[in-house]
Amino acid sequence: QVQLLESGGGLVQAGDSLRLSCAASGRTYRNYAMGWFRQAPGKEREFLATITWGGGSANYADSVKGRFTISIDNVKNTVYLQMNSLKPEDTAVYYCASDSGFSRSGYYTATAYAYWGQGTPVTVSP
């Protein structure tokens, strides 16, 4: 069982950077990967990035590739999302998520994840 707590969101201007944090507790060896998603009002939850707890594999949505970086600190049991060159279209509530076990279908959709944080809002002004 995993409990997740996001932090680091806020109000920024276009071109600014933010680093989101997701503190995880209750991990077991069966928890394989973490993901970051976002959801804007009236839109579906969007996949952003995923990384394994071992840190050996990370993947990104095309919309954020080259601007966002996901990373893991195993000492702190924390997953980060470094967001650079933010755009107004990045405005959303950002969520981190954890799986309950290895997903053979991949980690690019919300269905791969069993545990979710409550979200941290990010607003990017023009």
Protein backbone atom coordinates (compact mmCIF):
# COMPACT_ATOMS: atom_id res chain seq x y z
CA GLN A 1 0.00 0.00 0.00
CA VAL A 2 1.29 3.41 -0.97
CA GLN A 3 0.37 6.88 0.21
CA LEU A 4 1.40 9.83 -1.93
CA LEU A 5 1.62 13.53 -1.22
CA GLU A 6 2.38 16.05 -3.96
CA SER A 7 3.79 19.50 -3.38
CA GLY A 8 5.52 22.28 -5.25
CA GLY A 9 2.77 23.66 -7.44
CA GLY A 10 1.96 27.31 -7.71
CA LEU A 11 1.39 30.31 -9.93
CA VAL A 12 4.15 31.10 -12.40
CA GLN A 13 4.64 32.97 -15.65
CA ALA A 14 5.26 31.43 -19.03
CA GLY A 15 8.88 30.39 -19.35
CA ASP A 16 9.33 29.81 -15.63
CA SER A 17 10.26 26.53 -13.97
CA LEU A 18 8.81 24.49 -11.13
CA ARG A 19 9.83 21.30 -9.41
CA LEU A 20 7.03 19.13 -8.13
CA SER A 21 7.66 16.60 -5.39
CA CYS A 22 5.78 13.45 -4.50
CA ALA A 23 6.56 11.89 -1.15
CA ALA A 24 5.75 8.19 -1.07
CA SER A 25 5.18 6.07 2.00
CA GLY A 26 4.19 2.46 2.44
CA ARG A 27 6.23 1.15 -0.49
CA THR A 28 6.90 -2.53 -0.94
CA TYR A 29 9.15 -4.37 -3.33
CA ARG A 30 6.13 -4.98 -5.54
CA ASN A 31 5.75 -1.27 -6.30
CA TYR A 32 7.59 -0.98 -9.57
CA ALA A 33 6.97 2.44 -11.08
CA MET A 34 5.72 5.95 -10.49
CA GLY A 35 3.99 8.30 -12.86
CA TRP A 36 3.06 11.93 -13.19
CA PHE A 37 -0.25 13.00 -14.70
CA ARG A 38 -2.13 16.24 -15.02
CA GLN A 39 -5.74 17.18 -15.48
CA ALA A 40 -7.09 20.50 -16.66
CA PRO A 41 -10.73 21.51 -16.19
CA GLY A 42 -12.94 19.77 -18.71
CA LYS A 43 -10.15 17.52 -19.95
CA GLU A 44 -9.14 13.94 -19.34
CA ARG A 45 -6.26 13.05 -17.11
CA GLU A 46 -3.11 13.23 -19.21
CA PHE A 47 -0.02 11.09 -18.88
CA LEU A 48 3.20 13.05 -18.49
CA ALA A 49 6.04 10.82 -17.36
CA THR A 50 6.87 7.53 -15.70
CA ILE A 51 9.94 6.13 -13.99
CA THR A 52 10.85 2.91 -12.23
CA TRP A 53 11.90 3.00 -8.60
CA GLY A 54 15.21 1.62 -9.70
CA GLY A 55 15.62 4.69 -11.87
CA GLY A 56 16.67 2.69 -14.89
CA SER A 57 13.80 3.61 -17.16
CA ALA A 58 11.95 6.86 -17.73
CA ASN A 59 9.51 7.83 -20.46
CA TYR A 60 7.66 11.00 -21.35
CA ALA A 61 4.66 12.17 -23.24
CA ASP A 62 5.53 14.00 -26.44
CA SER A 63 3.89 17.14 -25.10
CA VAL A 64 6.48 17.51 -22.35
CA LYS A 65 9.50 15.69 -23.72
CA GLY A 66 12.53 17.92 -23.53
CA ARG A 67 10.92 20.26 -20.99
CA PHE A 68 9.99 17.98 -18.09
CA THR A 69 12.27 15.58 -16.25
CA ILE A 70 11.16 12.87 -13.85
CA SER A 71 13.55 11.59 -11.21
CA ILE A 72 13.61 9.52 -8.03
CA ASP A 73 15.38 9.94 -4.72
CA ASN A 74 15.27 6.53 -3.07
CA VAL A 75 16.74 7.85 0.17
CA LYS A 76 13.85 10.26 0.59
CA ASN A 77 11.31 8.01 -1.14
CA THR A 78 10.38 10.97 -3.27
CA VAL A 79 9.64 11.36 -6.96
CA TYR A 80 10.20 14.69 -8.67
CA LEU A 81 8.98 16.35 -11.79
CA GLN A 82 11.19 19.19 -12.94
CA MET A 83 9.19 21.40 -15.27
CA ASN A 84 11.01 23.94 -17.42
CA SER A 85 9.83 26.40 -20.05
CA LEU A 86 6.31 26.27 -18.73
CA LYS A 87 3.50 27.26 -21.05
CA PRO A 88 -0.04 28.42 -20.32
CA GLU A 89 -1.30 25.10 -21.66
CA ASP A 90 0.59 23.39 -18.83
CA THR A 91 -1.96 24.80 -16.40
CA ALA A 92 -3.57 21.87 -14.59
CA VAL A 93 -3.68 19.92 -11.38
CA TYR A 94 -0.69 17.62 -11.30
CA TYR A 95 -0.89 14.17 -9.76
CA CYS A 96 1.64 11.52 -8.94
CA ALA A 97 0.71 7.87 -8.96
CA SER A 98 2.09 4.49 -7.97
CA ASP A 99 1.41 1.06 -9.32
CA SER A 100 0.56 -1.92 -7.13
CA GLY A 101 2.71 -4.29 -9.14
CA PHE A 102 4.46 -4.66 -12.45
CA SER A 103 2.21 -3.82 -15.39
CA ARG A 104 2.99 -5.77 -18.53
CA SER A 105 0.92 -3.33 -20.56
CA GLY A 106 3.13 -0.39 -19.67
CA TYR A 107 2.78 2.76 -17.64
CA TYR A 108 1.42 5.28 -20.09
CA THR A 109 -2.20 5.25 -18.96
CA ALA A 110 -3.91 5.91 -15.66
CA THR A 111 -5.16 2.34 -15.47
CA ALA A 112 -1.63 1.14 -14.74
CA TYR A 113 -1.63 2.93 -11.40
CA ALA A 114 -3.43 1.93 -8.22
CA TYR A 115 -2.51 4.78 -5.87
CA TRP A 116 -2.85 8.50 -6.41
CA GLY A 117 -1.94 11.66 -4.62
CA GLN A 118 -4.43 14.45 -4.10
CA GLY A 119 -2.78 16.72 -6.64
CA THR A 120 -0.97 20.02 -6.64
CA PRO A 121 -2.20 22.84 -8.87
CA VAL A 122 0.01 24.58 -11.38
CA THR A 123 -1.10 27.77 -13.08
CA VAL A 124 0.98 29.32 -15.83
CA SER A 125 0.09 32.84 -16.86
CA PRO A 126 0.93 34.18 -20.33
